Each structure stands twice: as structure tokens, then as C-alpha cells.
C-alpha atoms as a PDB file:
ATOM      1  CA  MET A   1     -21.173-260.456  38.226  1.00  0.00           C
ATOM      2  CA  GLY A   2     -24.696-261.994  39.542  1.00  0.00           C
ATOM      3  CA  THR A   3     -27.023-259.409  37.620  1.00  0.00           C
ATOM      4  CA  VAL A   4     -25.019-259.282  34.836  1.00  0.00           C
ATOM      5  CA  ALA A   5     -25.138-262.870  34.841  1.00  0.00           C
ATOM      6  CA  SER A   6     -29.098-263.193  34.929  1.00  0.00           C
ATOM      7  CA  HIS A   7     -29.391-260.346  32.317  1.00  0.00           C
ATOM      8  CA  GLY A   8     -27.660-262.718  30.548  1.00  0.00           C
ATOM      9  CA  ARG A   9     -29.158-265.509  31.409  1.00  0.00           C
ATOM     10  CA  PHE A  10     -32.752-264.048  30.269  1.00  0.00           C
ATOM     11  CA  ALA A  11     -31.892-262.197  27.449  1.00  0.00           C
ATOM     12  CA  HIS A  12     -30.784-265.516  26.057  1.00  0.00           C
ATOM     13  CA  ALA A  13     -33.975-266.773  27.069  1.00  0.00           C
ATOM     14  CA  GLY A  14     -35.722-264.156  25.634  1.00  0.00           C
ATOM     15  CA  GLU A  15     -33.694-265.296  21.884  1.00  0.00           C
ATOM     16  CA  ALA A  16     -34.817-268.471  22.453  1.00  0.00           C
ATOM     17  CA  PHE A  17     -38.434-267.828  23.395  1.00  0.00           C
ATOM     18  CA  LYS A  18     -38.158-265.527  19.976  1.00  0.00           C
ATOM     19  CA  GLN A  19     -37.409-268.533  17.818  1.00  0.00           C
ATOM     20  CA  LEU A  20     -38.986-271.101  19.020  1.00  0.00           C
ATOM     21  CA  VAL A  21     -42.595-268.782  18.885  1.00  0.00           C
ATOM     22  CA  PHE A  22     -41.959-267.098  15.456  1.00  0.00           C
ATOM     23  CA  GLY A  23     -39.765-268.815  13.334  1.00  0.00           C
ATOM     24  CA  SER A  24     -39.791-267.545  10.084  1.00  0.00           C
ATOM     25  CA  ALA A  25     -42.243-265.449  11.059  1.00  0.00           C
ATOM     26  CA  ASN A  26     -40.094-263.917  13.044  1.00  0.00           C
ATOM     27  CA  VAL A  27     -40.539-260.153  11.335  1.00  0.00           C
ATOM     28  CA  PRO A  28     -39.248-256.894  12.501  1.00  0.00           C
ATOM     29  CA  GLN A  29     -41.457-253.580  13.119  1.00  0.00           C
ATOM     30  CA  GLN A  30     -40.335-252.433  10.686  1.00  0.00           C
ATOM     31  CA  CYS A  31     -39.703-252.525   6.967  1.00  0.00           C
ATOM     32  CA  VAL A  32     -38.069-249.952   3.875  1.00  0.00           C
ATOM     33  CA  VAL A  33     -39.576-250.406   0.776  1.00  0.00           C
ATOM     34  CA  GLY A  34     -39.320-248.904  -2.845  1.00  0.00           C
ATOM     35  CA  MET A  35     -42.269-247.750  -4.184  1.00  0.00           C
ATOM     36  CA  SER A  36     -43.623-244.880  -6.605  1.00  0.00           C
ATOM     37  CA  ASP A  37     -45.694-241.897  -4.934  1.00  0.00           C
ATOM     38  CA  PRO A  38     -47.891-241.802  -3.674  1.00  0.00           C
ATOM     39  CA  GLN A  39     -48.210-245.641  -3.218  1.00  0.00           C
ATOM     40  CA  SER A  40     -50.702-248.046  -5.339  1.00  0.00           C
ATOM     41  CA  GLU A  41     -50.782-250.533  -3.133  1.00  0.00           C
ATOM     42  CA  ILE A  42     -53.059-249.720  -0.089  1.00  0.00           C
ATOM     43  CA  SER A  43     -56.433-248.424  -0.670  1.00  0.00           C
ATOM     44  CA  VAL A  44     -57.540-246.713   2.549  1.00  0.00           C
ATOM     45  CA  ALA A  45     -61.487-245.988   3.398  1.00  0.00           C
ATOM     46  CA  LEU A  46     -63.204-244.422   6.544  1.00  0.00           C
ATOM     47  CA  ARG A  47     -66.511-246.683   6.676  1.00  0.00           C
ATOM     48  CA  GLY A  48     -69.191-245.691   8.917  1.00  0.00           C
ATOM     49  CA  ARG A  49     -72.357-247.001   9.443  1.00  0.00           C
ATOM     50  CA  ASP A  50     -74.139-245.635   6.324  1.00  0.00           C
ATOM     51  CA  THR A  51     -71.393-243.948   3.662  1.00  0.00           C
ATOM     52  CA  THR A  52     -67.898-245.641   3.399  1.00  0.00           C
ATOM     53  CA  LEU A  53     -66.210-242.676   2.148  1.00  0.00           C
ATOM     54  CA  ASP A  54     -62.030-242.944   0.463  1.00  0.00           C
ATOM     55  CA  VAL A  55     -58.830-241.560   2.406  1.00  0.00           C
ATOM     56  CA  THR A  56     -56.224-243.337   0.552  1.00  0.00           C
ATOM     57  CA  ASN A  57     -53.797-239.860   0.318  1.00  0.00           C
ATOM     58  CA  ASN A  58     -55.610-238.537   3.416  1.00  0.00           C
ATOM     59  CA  ASN A  59     -54.342-239.865   6.391  1.00  0.00           C
ATOM     60  CA  VAL A  60     -51.896-239.473   9.117  1.00  0.00           C
ATOM     61  CA  ILE A  61     -51.646-239.448  12.599  1.00  0.00           C
ATOM     62  CA  ALA A  62     -51.239-236.563  14.413  1.00  0.00           C
ATOM     63  CA  ALA A  63     -50.194-237.674  17.939  1.00  0.00           C
ATOM     64  CA  ALA A  64     -48.611-241.308  19.075  1.00  0.00           C
ATOM     65  CA  ARG A  65     -50.033-241.095  23.483  1.00  0.00           C
ATOM     66  CA  PRO A  66     -52.677-240.834  23.310  1.00  0.00           C
ATOM     67  CA  LEU A  67     -52.580-242.649  19.291  1.00  0.00           C
ATOM     68  CA  THR A  68     -54.143-239.772  17.607  1.00  0.00           C
ATOM     69  CA  LEU A  69     -55.023-239.752  13.775  1.00  0.00           C
ATOM     70  CA  GLY A  70     -56.508-237.200  11.206  1.00  0.00           C
ATOM     71  CA  ILE A  71     -58.523-236.928   7.926  1.00  0.00           C
ATOM     72  CA  GLY A  72     -59.445-234.070   6.277  1.00  0.00           C
ATOM     73  CA  LEU A  73     -62.974-233.549   5.430  1.00  0.00           C
ATOM     74  CA  ASN A  74     -65.471-231.256   3.374  1.00  0.00           C
ATOM     75  CA  PRO A  75     -68.488-230.420   5.803  1.00  0.00           C
ATOM     76  CA  GLU A  76     -70.974-230.217   3.154  1.00  0.00           C
ATOM     77  CA  SER A  77     -69.951-232.948   1.328  1.00  0.00           C
ATOM     78  CA  HIS A  78     -68.994-235.722   4.235  1.00  0.00           C
ATOM     79  CA  ARG A  79     -71.972-234.291   6.494  1.00  0.00           C
ATOM     80  CA  GLU A  80     -73.196-237.962   7.021  1.00  0.00           C
ATOM     81  CA  THR A  81     -69.273-238.457   7.945  1.00  0.00           C
ATOM     82  CA  ILE A  82     -68.416-236.179  10.048  1.00  0.00           C
ATOM     83  CA  ARG A  83     -71.749-237.235  11.994  1.00  0.00           C
ATOM     84  CA  ASP A  84     -70.614-240.537  12.550  1.00  0.00           C
ATOM     85  CA  ARG A  85     -68.669-240.071  15.433  1.00  0.00           C
ATOM     86  CA  GLN A  86     -67.270-244.212  15.920  1.00  0.00           C
ATOM     87  CA  PRO A  87     -66.393-245.057  12.428  1.00  0.00           C
ATOM     88  CA  TRP A  88     -63.504-247.215  11.033  1.00  0.00           C
ATOM     89  CA  LEU A  89     -60.940-247.034   9.208  1.00  0.00           C
ATOM     90  CA  THR A  90     -60.607-249.980   6.489  1.00  0.00           C
ATOM     91  CA  PHE A  91     -57.358-250.613   4.891  1.00  0.00           C
ATOM     92  CA  ARG A  92     -57.695-253.582   1.240  1.00  0.00           C
ATOM     93  CA  GLU A  93     -55.752-254.498  -1.585  1.00  0.00           C
ATOM     94  CA  MET A  94     -56.304-251.762  -3.294  1.00  0.00           C
ATOM     95  CA  THR A  95     -56.113-254.464  -7.017  1.00  0.00           C
ATOM     96  CA  GLY A  96     -56.431-258.049  -7.242  1.00  0.00           C
ATOM     97  CA  GLU A  97     -59.064-259.547  -4.426  1.00  0.00           C
ATOM     98  CA  ARG A  98     -59.126-256.358  -2.740  1.00  0.00           C
ATOM     99  CA  ARG A  99     -59.102-258.970   0.636  1.00  0.00           C
ATOM    100  CA  LEU A 100     -59.326-256.789   4.120  1.00  0.00           C
ATOM    101  CA  LEU A 101     -56.032-257.042   5.459  1.00  0.00           C
ATOM    102  CA  ALA A 102     -56.980-254.409   8.956  1.00  0.00           C
ATOM    103  CA  GLU A 103     -59.362-252.044  10.246  1.00  0.00           C
ATOM    104  CA  ILE A 104     -58.798-249.648  13.274  1.00  0.00           C
ATOM    105  CA  LYS A 105     -62.264-248.770  15.198  1.00  0.00           C
ATOM    106  CA  LEU A 106     -62.385-245.336  15.958  1.00  0.00           C
ATOM    107  CA  CYS A 107     -63.375-242.538  17.918  1.00  0.00           C
ATOM    108  CA  MET A 108     -63.925-238.539  17.317  1.00  0.00           C
ATOM    109  CA  VAL A 109     -62.586-236.025  20.031  1.00  0.00           C
ATOM    110  CA  ASP A 110     -61.860-233.047  17.732  1.00  0.00           C
ATOM    111  CA  THR A 111     -62.197-230.731  14.945  1.00  0.00           C
ATOM    112  CA  LEU A 112     -59.500-228.118  13.619  1.00  0.00           C
ATOM    113  CA  PRO A 113     -60.203-225.472  11.029  1.00  0.00           C
ATOM    114  CA  LEU A 114     -59.014-226.585   7.279  1.00  0.00           C
ATOM    115  CA  GLY A 115     -60.034-223.092   5.496  1.00  0.00           C
ATOM    116  CA  GLU A 116     -63.489-224.319   3.801  1.00  0.00           C
ATOM    117  CA  GLU A 117     -62.676-227.778   5.497  1.00  0.00           C
ATOM    118  CA  GLN A 118     -61.960-229.158   8.880  1.00  0.00           C
ATOM    119  CA  LEU A 119     -58.774-231.688  10.098  1.00  0.00           C
ATOM    120  CA  CYS A 120     -60.969-234.437  12.248  1.00  0.00           C
ATOM    121  CA  LEU A 121     -59.034-236.084  14.642  1.00  0.00           C
ATOM    122  CA  TYR A 122     -59.673-239.486  16.361  1.00  0.00           C
ATOM    123  CA  THR A 123     -58.567-241.264  18.628  1.00  0.00           C
ATOM    124  CA  ALA A 124     -57.603-245.082  18.245  1.00  0.00           C
ATOM    125  CA  ARG A 125     -59.832-247.617  20.030  1.00  0.00           C
ATOM    126  CA  SER A 126     -59.320-251.144  18.957  1.00  0.00           C
ATOM    127  CA  CYS A 127     -58.307-252.590  15.989  1.00  0.00           C
ATOM    128  CA  ARG A 128     -57.483-256.259  13.984  1.00  0.00           C
ATOM    129  CA  ASN A 129     -54.728-257.059  11.976  1.00  0.00           C
ATOM    130  CA  PHE A 130     -55.958-260.454   8.902  1.00  0.00           C
ATOM    131  CA  CYS A 131     -52.132-259.931   7.747  1.00  0.00           C
ATOM    132  CA  VAL A 132     -50.764-263.349   9.823  1.00  0.00           C
ATOM    133  CA  PRO A 133     -52.885-266.091  11.289  1.00  0.00           C
ATOM    134  CA  ARG A 134     -54.700-265.243  14.635  1.00  0.00           C
ATOM    135  CA  GLY A 135     -52.244-267.406  16.527  1.00  0.00           C
ATOM    136  CA  ARG A 136     -49.319-266.241  15.530  1.00  0.00           C
ATOM    137  CA  LEU A 137     -50.674-262.993  15.466  1.00  0.00           C
ATOM    138  CA  TRP A 138     -51.002-263.359  19.007  1.00  0.00           C
ATOM    139  CA  MET A 139     -47.508-265.396  20.055  1.00  0.00           C
ATOM    140  CA  ARG A 140     -45.997-261.875  17.757  1.00  0.00           C
ATOM    141  CA  TYR A 141     -48.007-259.760  20.548  1.00  0.00           C
ATOM    142  CA  LEU A 142     -47.216-261.195  23.421  1.00  0.00           C
ATOM    143  CA  TYR A 143     -43.318-261.012  22.161  1.00  0.00           C
ATOM    144  CA  ASP A 144     -43.844-257.391  21.783  1.00  0.00           C
ATOM    145  CA  GLY A 145     -45.011-256.987  25.430  1.00  0.00           C
ATOM    146  CA  TYR A 146     -41.846-259.578  26.584  1.00  0.00           C
ATOM    147  CA  ARG A 147     -40.062-256.922  24.809  1.00  0.00           C
ATOM    148  CA  GLN A 148     -41.655-253.343  25.272  1.00  0.00           C
ATOM    149  CA  LEU A 149     -40.964-254.778  29.452  1.00  0.00           C
ATOM    150  CA  TRP A 150     -37.755-255.693  28.909  1.00  0.00           C
ATOM    151  CA  SER A 151     -36.922-252.484  27.420  1.00  0.00           C
ATOM    152  CA  GLU A 152     -38.272-250.954  30.539  1.00  0.00           C
ATOM    153  CA  MET A 153     -36.118-252.802  33.566  1.00  0.00           C
ATOM    154  CA  ARG A 154     -32.931-251.901  31.026  1.00  0.00           C
ATOM    155  CA  SER A 155     -33.692-247.828  31.054  1.00  0.00           C
ATOM    156  CA  ARG A 156     -32.514-245.997  33.859  1.00  0.00           C
ATOM    157  CA  THR A 157     -34.616-243.232  33.049  1.00  0.00           C
ATOM    158  CA  PRO A 158     -38.279-243.911  33.505  1.00  0.00           C
ATOM    159  CA  THR A 159     -40.271-244.627  30.531  1.00  0.00           C
ATOM    160  CA  LEU A 160     -44.159-243.463  29.146  1.00  0.00           C
ATOM    161  CA  ARG A 161     -44.798-246.737  27.062  1.00  0.00           C
ATOM    162  CA  MET A 162     -47.536-247.454  25.042  1.00  0.00           C
ATOM    163  CA  PRO A 163     -50.666-249.012  25.786  1.00  0.00           C
ATOM    164  CA  VAL A 164     -50.641-251.904  23.862  1.00  0.00           C
ATOM    165  CA  ARG A 165     -54.103-251.981  22.116  1.00  0.00           C
ATOM    166  CA  GLU A 166     -52.538-248.653  20.757  1.00  0.00           C
ATOM    167  CA  LEU A 167     -49.541-250.482  19.553  1.00  0.00           C
ATOM    168  CA  HIS A 168     -50.714-252.781  17.598  1.00  0.00           C
ATOM    169  CA  CYS A 169     -53.548-249.975  16.236  1.00  0.00           C
ATOM    170  CA  VAL A 170     -49.693-248.916  14.959  1.00  0.00           C
ATOM    171  CA  PHE A 171     -49.231-252.458  13.371  1.00  0.00           C
ATOM    172  CA  ALA A 172     -52.215-251.749  11.190  1.00  0.00           C
ATOM    173  CA  PHE A 173     -51.835-248.555  10.343  1.00  0.00           C
ATOM    174  CA  TYR A 174     -48.576-249.191   9.164  1.00  0.00           C
ATOM    175  CA  ILE A 175     -50.328-251.826   6.514  1.00  0.00           C
ATOM    176  CA  CYS A 176     -50.400-248.530   4.209  1.00  0.00           C
ATOM    177  CA  PRO A 177     -47.369-248.187   2.839  1.00  0.00           C
ATOM    178  CA  ARG A 178     -45.489-244.576   4.430  1.00  0.00           C
ATOM    179  CA  PRO A 179     -43.342-241.734   3.215  1.00  0.00           C
ATOM    180  CA  VAL A 180     -40.324-241.116   4.673  1.00  0.00           C
ATOM    181  CA  VAL A 181     -38.784-237.327   3.789  1.00  0.00           C
ATOM    182  CA  LEU A 182     -36.783-235.176   5.536  1.00  0.00           C
ATOM    183  CA  VAL A 183     -37.607-231.998   6.826  1.00  0.00           C
ATOM    184  CA  SER A 184     -34.979-228.520   6.361  1.00  0.00           C
ATOM    185  CA  VAL A 185     -35.461-225.497   8.496  1.00  0.00           C
ATOM    186  CA  VAL A 186     -34.154-222.301   9.184  1.00  0.00           C
ATOM    187  CA  ASP A 187     -34.270-220.094  11.854  1.00  0.00           C
ATOM    188  CA  GLY A 188     -31.686-217.228  11.956  1.00  0.00           C
ATOM    189  CA  ASN A 189     -27.996-218.995  12.678  1.00  0.00           C
ATOM    190  CA  LEU A 190     -29.938-222.241  13.419  1.00  0.00           C
ATOM    191  CA  GLY A 191     -31.170-224.914  11.274  1.00  0.00           C
ATOM    192  CA  ASN A 192     -31.991-228.157  11.011  1.00  0.00           C
ATOM    193  CA  ILE A 193     -32.483-231.575   8.860  1.00  0.00           C
ATOM    194  CA  PHE A 194     -34.393-234.504   9.774  1.00  0.00           C
ATOM    195  CA  PRO A 195     -36.362-237.838   8.521  1.00  0.00           C
ATOM    196  CA  MET A 196     -40.043-237.579   9.146  1.00  0.00           C
ATOM    197  CA  ASP A 197     -42.665-240.470   8.636  1.00  0.00           C
ATOM    198  CA  LEU A 198     -45.397-238.965  10.746  1.00  0.00           C
ATOM    199  CA  ILE A 199     -46.926-236.542   8.216  1.00  0.00           C
ATOM    200  CA  GLY A 200     -49.267-236.565   4.999  1.00  0.00           C
ATOM    201  CA  PRO A 201     -51.739-234.974   3.142  1.00  0.00           C
ATOM    202  CA  VAL A 202     -54.840-234.132   4.829  1.00  0.00           C
ATOM    203  CA  GLY A 203     -58.108-232.791   2.743  1.00  0.00           C
ATOM    204  CA  THR A 204     -57.315-231.045  -0.526  1.00  0.00           C
ATOM    205  CA  GLN A 205     -55.100-228.299   0.241  1.00  0.00           C
ATOM    206  CA  HIS A 206     -53.100-229.061   3.383  1.00  0.00           C
ATOM    207  CA  PHE A 207     -50.242-231.442   5.199  1.00  0.00           C
ATOM    208  CA  THR A 208     -49.724-231.706   8.367  1.00  0.00           C
ATOM    209  CA  LEU A 209     -46.610-233.603  10.053  1.00  0.00           C
ATOM    210  CA  ALA A 210     -46.235-234.799  13.793  1.00  0.00           C
ATOM    211  CA  LEU A 211     -43.331-233.921  16.034  1.00  0.00           C
ATOM    212  CA  HIS A 212     -42.280-235.234  19.447  1.00  0.00           C
ATOM    213  CA  ASN A 213     -42.779-232.388  22.359  1.00  0.00           C
ATOM    214  CA  ASP A 214     -39.121-233.461  23.196  1.00  0.00           C
ATOM    215  CA  SER A 215     -37.828-232.419  20.147  1.00  0.00           C
ATOM    216  CA  PRO A 216     -35.163-229.838  20.041  1.00  0.00           C
ATOM    217  CA  ALA A 217     -36.091-228.996  16.443  1.00  0.00           C
ATOM    218  CA  LEU A 218     -39.453-228.441  17.283  1.00  0.00           C
ATOM    219  CA  PRO A 219     -38.926-224.735  18.646  1.00  0.00           C
ATOM    220  CA  LEU A 220     -37.102-223.861  15.085  1.00  0.00           C
ATOM    221  CA  MET A 221     -40.351-224.966  13.095  1.00  0.00           C
ATOM    222  CA  VAL A 222     -42.493-222.832  15.976  1.00  0.00           C
ATOM    223  CA  ARG A 223     -40.882-220.030  14.902  1.00  0.00           C
ATOM    224  CA  SER A 224     -39.709-220.314  11.241  1.00  0.00           C
ATOM    225  CA  ARG A 225     -42.984-221.401  10.269  1.00  0.00           C
ATOM    226  CA  ARG A 226     -40.736-222.393   6.510  1.00  0.00           C
ATOM    227  CA  ILE A 227     -40.300-225.464   6.312  1.00  0.00           C
ATOM    228  CA  ALA A 228     -39.087-227.980   2.827  1.00  0.00           C
ATOM    229  CA  LEU A 229     -39.869-231.589   1.882  1.00  0.00           C
ATOM    230  CA  SER A 230     -37.441-233.253   0.543  1.00  0.00           C
ATOM    231  CA  ASN A 231     -38.867-236.868  -1.097  1.00  0.00           C
ATOM    232  CA  VAL A 232     -35.915-240.047  -0.092  1.00  0.00           C
ATOM    233  CA  PRO A 233     -34.950-242.111  -3.257  1.00  0.00           C
ATOM    234  CA  VAL A 234     -34.936-245.818  -1.677  1.00  0.00           C
ATOM    235  CA  SER A 235     -31.195-245.870  -2.093  1.00  0.00           C
ATOM    236  CA  TYR A 236     -30.409-243.012   0.160  1.00  0.00           C
ATOM    237  CA  SER A 237     -31.960-244.857   2.745  1.00  0.00           C
ATOM    238  CA  ALA A 238     -29.584-245.483   5.043  1.00  0.00           C
ATOM    239  CA  VAL A 239     -28.273-241.896   4.844  1.00  0.00           C
ATOM    240  CA  ALA A 240     -31.843-240.624   5.742  1.00  0.00           C
ATOM    241  CA  PHE A 241     -31.660-242.752   9.066  1.00  0.00           C
ATOM    242  CA  GLU A 242     -28.363-242.139   9.905  1.00  0.00           C
ATOM    243  CA  LEU A 243     -29.974-238.371  10.211  1.00  0.00           C
ATOM    244  CA  GLY A 244     -32.767-239.540  12.577  1.00  0.00           C
ATOM    245  CA  LYS A 245     -29.921-238.071  15.248  1.00  0.00           C
ATOM    246  CA  ASN A 246     -30.152-235.058  14.277  1.00  0.00           C
ATOM    247  CA  HIS A 247     -33.542-235.027  16.357  1.00  0.00           C
ATOM    248  CA  LYS A 248     -31.933-234.728  19.546  1.00  0.00           C
ATOM    249  CA  LYS A 249     -29.576-231.568  18.191  1.00  0.00           C
ATOM    250  CA  ALA A 250     -31.151-228.156  18.084  1.00  0.00           C
ATOM    251  CA  SER A 251     -28.777-227.271  15.142  1.00  0.00           C
ATOM    252  CA  VAL A 252     -26.338-228.209  12.449  1.00  0.00           C
ATOM    253  CA  ASP A 253     -23.415-228.284  10.845  1.00  0.00           C
ATOM    254  CA  TRP A 254     -24.710-227.926   7.334  1.00  0.00           C
ATOM    255  CA  GLY A 255     -21.311-228.259   6.012  1.00  0.00           C
ATOM    256  CA  ALA A 256     -21.016-230.893   8.112  1.00  0.00           C
ATOM    257  CA  LEU A 257     -23.107-233.696   5.869  1.00  0.00           C
ATOM    258  CA  PRO A 258     -22.016-236.093   4.695  1.00  0.00           C
ATOM    259  CA  PHE A 259     -24.082-235.045   0.430  1.00  0.00           C
ATOM    260  CA  ALA A 260     -23.774-232.206  -1.585  1.00  0.00           C
ATOM    261  CA  THR A 261     -27.467-229.495  -1.202  1.00  0.00           C
ATOM    262  CA  LYS A 262     -29.165-227.050  -2.876  1.00  0.00           C
ATOM    263  CA  THR A 263     -31.219-224.707  -1.902  1.00  0.00           C
ATOM    264  CA  SER A 264     -35.280-225.096  -2.250  1.00  0.00           C
ATOM    265  CA  THR A 265     -36.804-223.159  -5.403  1.00  0.00           C
ATOM    266  CA  SER A 266     -39.724-220.324  -3.034  1.00  0.00           C
ATOM    267  CA  PHE A 267     -37.562-220.494   0.558  1.00  0.00           C
ATOM    268  CA  GLY A 268     -34.433-221.121  -0.215  1.00  0.00           C
ATOM    269  CA  LEU A 269     -33.801-223.881   2.206  1.00  0.00           C
ATOM    270  CA  PRO A 270     -30.831-226.274   1.898  1.00  0.00           C
ATOM    271  CA  VAL A 271     -32.391-229.625   1.013  1.00  0.00           C
ATOM    272  CA  PRO A 272     -30.243-233.118  -0.474  1.00  0.00           C
ATOM    273  CA  GLN A 273     -29.013-232.850  -3.963  1.00  0.00           C
ATOM    274  CA  PHE A 274     -30.330-236.129  -4.057  1.00  0.00           C
ATOM    275  CA  ALA A 275     -34.082-235.171  -2.737  1.00  0.00           C
ATOM    276  CA  SER A 276     -35.764-236.257  -5.850  1.00  0.00           C
ATOM    277  CA  ARG A 277     -38.991-233.839  -4.322  1.00  0.00           C
ATOM    278  CA  VAL A 278     -38.864-230.624  -2.827  1.00  0.00           C
ATOM    279  CA  ARG A 279     -42.070-229.193  -1.370  1.00  0.00           C
ATOM    280  CA  ASP A 280     -41.596-225.612   0.463  1.00  0.00           C
ATOM    281  CA  MET A 281     -44.566-225.511   2.971  1.00  0.00           C
ATOM    282  CA  GLN A 282     -46.204-222.815   5.559  1.00  0.00           C
ATOM    283  CA  ILE A 283     -46.809-223.554   8.567  1.00  0.00           C
ATOM    284  CA  GLU A 284     -49.611-221.379   9.531  1.00  0.00           C
ATOM    285  CA  THR A 285     -51.028-223.910  12.171  1.00  0.00           C
ATOM    286  CA  VAL A 286     -49.208-225.733  15.461  1.00  0.00           C
ATOM    287  CA  ARG A 287     -51.491-227.554  18.237  1.00  0.00           C
ATOM    288  CA  THR A 288     -49.848-230.110  20.905  1.00  0.00           C
ATOM    289  CA  LEU A 289     -51.608-233.491  20.768  1.00  0.00           C
ATOM    290  CA  GLY A 290     -49.765-235.318  23.691  1.00  0.00           C
ATOM    291  CA  SER A 291     -47.095-236.531  23.324  1.00  0.00           C
ATOM    292  CA  HIS A 292     -46.066-234.800  19.571  1.00  0.00           C
ATOM    293  CA  THR A 293     -47.010-231.366  17.965  1.00  0.00           C
ATOM    294  CA  LEU A 294     -49.042-230.716  15.376  1.00  0.00           C
ATOM    295  CA  PHE A 295     -48.033-229.028  12.545  1.00  0.00           C
ATOM    296  CA  VAL A 296     -50.832-227.772   9.775  1.00  0.00           C
ATOM    297  CA  ALA A 297     -48.978-226.539   6.307  1.00  0.00           C
ATOM    298  CA  ARG A 298     -49.369-225.427   3.399  1.00  0.00           C
ATOM    299  CA  THR A 299     -47.403-226.122   0.135  1.00  0.00           C
ATOM    300  CA  ILE A 300     -46.116-222.303  -0.948  1.00  0.00           C
ATOM    301  CA  GLU A 301     -44.248-224.933  -4.391  1.00  0.00           C
ATOM    302  CA  ASP A 302     -43.749-228.111  -5.706  1.00  0.00           C
ATOM    303  CA  HIS A 303     -41.298-229.384  -7.384  1.00  0.00           C
ATOM    304  CA  GLY A 304     -39.732-233.002  -8.771  1.00  0.00           C
ATOM    305  CA  TRP A 305     -37.044-233.320 -10.021  1.00  0.00           C
ATOM    306  CA  ALA A 306     -36.161-236.812 -10.386  1.00  0.00           C
ATOM    307  CA  GLU A 307     -38.475-240.155 -11.047  1.00  0.00           C
ATOM    308  CA  GLY A 308     -37.641-243.334  -9.499  1.00  0.00           C
ATOM    309  CA  LEU A 309     -38.948-246.039  -6.009  1.00  0.00           C
ATOM    310  CA  GLN A 310     -38.790-243.410  -2.771  1.00  0.00           C
ATOM    311  CA  LEU A 311     -39.239-244.352   0.386  1.00  0.00           C
ATOM    312  CA  PHE A 312     -41.306-245.858   2.256  1.00  0.00           C
ATOM    313  CA  GLN A 313     -41.709-248.007   5.190  1.00  0.00           C
ATOM    314  CA  ILE A 314     -43.986-250.818   6.464  1.00  0.00           C
ATOM    315  CA  HIS A 315     -44.963-253.174   9.141  1.00  0.00           C
ATOM    316  CA  GLY A 316     -43.878-256.644   9.059  1.00  0.00           C
ATOM    317  CA  PHE A 317     -46.953-258.189   9.051  1.00  0.00           C
ATOM    318  CA  TYR A 318     -47.600-256.524   5.637  1.00  0.00           C
ATOM    319  CA  GLN A 319     -44.626-257.391   4.697  1.00  0.00           C
ATOM    320  CA  ALA A 320     -44.606-261.016   6.078  1.00  0.00           C
ATOM    321  CA  TRP A 321     -47.807-260.712   3.370  1.00  0.00           C
ATOM    322  CA  ARG A 322     -46.642-259.481   0.256  1.00  0.00           C
ATOM    323  CA  GLN A 323     -44.340-262.166   0.397  1.00  0.00           C
ATOM    324  CA  GLN A 324     -46.359-265.074   0.993  1.00  0.00           C
ATOM    325  CA  LEU A 325     -48.133-263.581  -2.347  1.00  0.00           C
ATOM    326  CA  GLN A 326     -45.012-263.630  -4.041  1.00  0.00           C
ATOM    327  CA  GLN A 327     -44.636-267.453  -3.058  1.00  0.00           C
ATOM    328  CA  PRO A 328     -48.021-268.923  -3.927  1.00  0.00           C
ATOM    329  CA  HIS A 329     -47.214-272.340  -3.075  1.00  0.00           C
ATOM    330  CA  LEU A 330     -46.275-271.549   0.381  1.00  0.00           C
ATOM    331  CA  THR A 331     -49.222-272.112   3.427  1.00  0.00           C
ATOM    332  CA  SER A 332     -49.211-270.376   6.276  1.00  0.00           C
ATOM    333  CA  SER A 333     -48.602-272.889   9.552  1.00  0.00           C
END
């Protein structure tokens, strides 16, 4: 009884601390937004000592632990960029004053062949985030560290915690809006559909997806090598996130899904009837990178079904920045 009571007091103290420190800046780590695809708010650049390369539509998370980012580069035209082993990944407003919102210090650790291009893999070394005032930023970092510790204290199983500096780099990475798609995969009588956001194009012809090594759906993708990616209208965001539970399943009952399905054009895979865009992809390379398995795929067919705002995620720091721009008469404390 005493243990339960002490835990309750600890949780209550945590909530009071959160309200006292953060006030209106107590923003969530992830915010859902509706945007046209591709997004047109944030530009991303790979900046070296002598070169700066626009990689807005060519930057992905390849693994979470260690935090590894991937960028597709051409060895011929991007020779100087590849030669720079410790560049910065920068995030700016795409329009207006083009203010710098964040930057991540990188260190190249490996390359993977992508036909005539290369997938350059970088670990994230450190970052700087300019979306919120520095004092409020570090107070938020302090609270996130407290929350991680509290979660570990409550967990009955050991957890592998992401280093704090890498977690902060993830916050910066999600200043650029990231699309959430539904992935369909079938192997024989087994099949699954689940949301993913560790995805994106790399280079001119390839696409990557990073799936956690513990996911029961992983063997399906390894064996099948055929997947369909469905864009999700933002109005169906709750439906998409509800399918997150399928990450813990080896297979699903397609007839029990809470929506009607149709088939993808090339591979005939089940995809949501509400999908606004469906891409059939052939997986060409599978590589384990720390906590995740990286799939490198090539698009076989890309079919757009409907236009409209798509499901994206951004970090709460950037959402606070967006809200501040919408209310210019307010000043940060």
C-alpha cells in the first residue's frame, strides 16, 4: 500500500513540475498535421565545409539505436559532399525569411550501393534546436529525461534507452514533417498491414523503410520482398494509428479490418479503400543496422487515387513554432 501511495505522490509531483516549468509550452513529442505530399514547409540541406546540397526529399532514419540517418548521393556529382565525413544536416523555413530552425552534426559510418548511387549512412553526433527559447528548451529536455526515468522505474522488463543526445536529434529531425503510410505485405497465407514513418526516398530511384528488429512482421517482408505503401488522408489518422497494434502480430485477418480494401495495381496486395496513393515496391536489399532492419526498395508502380491533405507527423517544438507564427502579437517568455 505504501509503495502504491509513494508512486502516486511521485506521479502527482511530476505533473505539478511539468505545469510549473512548461506552462503553455508543454507540447507533445509528436503532433499530427495534414499536408500536401511532398511537404512544402521545411527545406533540408547537407552542409559540408565547401558544399551545401539540398536533400529535402532525400533524408531518412535508417535505425534508432544507434541513431543512423541515410541520404542517397551520386558518387560522380556529389564527390565533394561524400568526401566530407562530418557534415551538418540543416533545417530551414522553405519560404519567408528562411530562418534556421535546427541542425544535426553527422558522422559518416558506411555506404550501401544504390545502382549508380550510394546510400550514405551517418550517425547523429549532436544537434542544435532553435524552435523554442534555449532556457525553455533545456527545461523540456530535463523533463523528458525525468519521464524516461519514470517509465523505466515502472517497467517490469529491462529497456534499452536511447541516449539523450540522440533523442534530442530525433526532435530536430522531426522539425521536417514526416509522412505516415500504411505498409501491406503478404507471404503465402500470412499477411499484415501497419503504419510506418521511418520511410522515405533516397536518391533518384530508391526508397527505404526501417522496421524494428523485434517486429513479428519483419520475417514477412524479408521473405516476400514485395510491399505496397498507402498514403493516408489526414481524416483517417485515427484509423492508421489504431493499426499500430499490428506491429505486434505476425499476421492479421484481412476480413476483420475496420475498413474496406482494394488491391494494389502490380502486386495485388490488399490496401485500404481510402488510400489516396499506392506504391508497389520491390525490396532489393535488407540490412540490419543496430535496433532496426533497413529495407531498400525500388518503386514498381505509383498510382495516385485522390488528392487532399495527407497524414504527417511533426515534433511539438516545430508545432509551437508554427503556432507562434500564426500569432505574431504573442512573444515567448
